[in-house]
Amino acid sequence: MAELWAGSGAGKTHLHCMVIDQDGSRLFSRRLANTEDAILALIADVLALAAGREVHWATDLNQGASALLISAL
């Protein structure tokens, strides 16, 4: 089964997420507010894009600005 990789870079007020496939093709790119509602919508959109494929998530930080994303995941 094909896999997707979702990576995010976080800041205090916004974060950016990009999703690529196994060939390295960009499938999704979005800047969003670093809020719970925006992050939950992002996760739902990425999972819909995945259509049952496994998604591997990565963040640029393991605390601080990425804490809300990590908690939501």
Protein backbone atom coordinates (compact mmCIF):
# COMPACT_ATOMS: atom_id res chain seq x y z
CA MET A 1 0.00 0.00 0.00
CA ALA A 2 1.30 3.45 -0.87
CA GLU A 3 2.16 5.76 1.98
CA LEU A 4 2.07 9.51 2.50
CA TRP A 5 4.33 11.73 4.57
CA ALA A 6 3.03 14.89 6.23
CA GLY A 7 5.55 17.34 7.61
CA SER A 8 4.93 20.52 9.52
CA GLY A 9 6.88 23.54 10.63
CA ALA A 10 5.37 25.44 13.51
CA GLY A 11 5.49 28.98 14.78
CA LYS A 12 3.68 30.72 17.62
CA THR A 13 0.71 31.82 15.51
CA HIS A 14 0.86 29.71 12.34
CA LEU A 15 2.17 26.44 11.02
CA HIS A 16 2.73 25.03 7.57
CA CYS A 17 2.03 21.46 6.49
CA MET A 18 3.11 19.71 3.32
CA VAL A 19 2.18 16.18 2.24
CA ILE A 20 4.18 14.13 -0.24
CA ASP A 21 3.71 10.66 -1.69
CA GLN A 22 6.21 7.82 -2.10
CA ASP A 23 7.54 9.44 -5.29
CA GLY A 24 8.19 12.76 -3.54
CA SER A 25 5.35 14.50 -5.37
CA ARG A 26 3.73 17.32 -3.40
CA LEU A 27 0.06 16.53 -2.88
CA PHE A 28 -0.89 19.18 -0.34
CA SER A 29 0.53 22.38 1.07
CA ARG A 30 -1.20 24.66 3.53
CA ARG A 31 -0.42 27.47 5.97
CA LEU A 32 -2.85 27.56 8.87
CA ALA A 33 -3.41 29.16 12.24
CA ASN A 34 -1.89 27.32 15.17
CA THR A 35 -5.31 26.75 16.75
CA GLU A 36 -7.14 23.58 17.71
CA ASP A 37 -9.93 24.06 15.16
CA ALA A 38 -7.51 24.68 12.29
CA ILE A 39 -5.31 21.74 13.27
CA LEU A 40 -8.25 19.34 13.56
CA ALA A 41 -9.45 20.47 10.11
CA LEU A 42 -5.93 19.92 8.75
CA ILE A 43 -5.78 16.39 10.14
CA ALA A 44 -9.20 15.59 8.65
CA ASP A 45 -8.15 16.96 5.25
CA VAL A 46 -4.90 14.99 5.20
CA LEU A 47 -6.68 11.78 6.20
CA ALA A 48 -9.28 12.35 3.47
CA LEU A 49 -6.46 12.87 0.97
CA ALA A 50 -4.83 9.66 2.18
CA ALA A 51 -7.98 7.67 1.34
CA GLY A 52 -6.97 4.77 3.58
CA ARG A 53 -3.23 4.99 2.97
CA GLU A 54 -0.92 5.19 5.96
CA VAL A 55 0.22 8.72 6.85
CA HIS A 56 3.55 9.34 8.60
CA TRP A 57 3.63 12.68 10.43
CA ALA A 58 6.72 14.70 11.29
CA THR A 59 7.17 18.02 13.08
CA ASP A 60 10.12 20.36 13.24
CA LEU A 61 9.83 20.66 17.02
CA ASN A 62 8.86 18.22 19.76
CA GLN A 63 7.47 20.83 22.17
CA GLY A 64 6.55 24.51 22.30
CA ALA A 65 4.92 25.72 19.08
CA SER A 66 4.25 22.14 17.89
CA ALA A 67 2.67 20.98 21.18
CA LEU A 68 -0.92 21.53 20.03
CA LEU A 69 -0.36 19.62 16.76
CA ILE A 70 1.36 16.78 18.59
CA SER A 71 -1.49 16.58 21.11
CA ALA A 72 -4.10 16.53 18.33
CA LEU A 73 -2.28 13.78 16.47
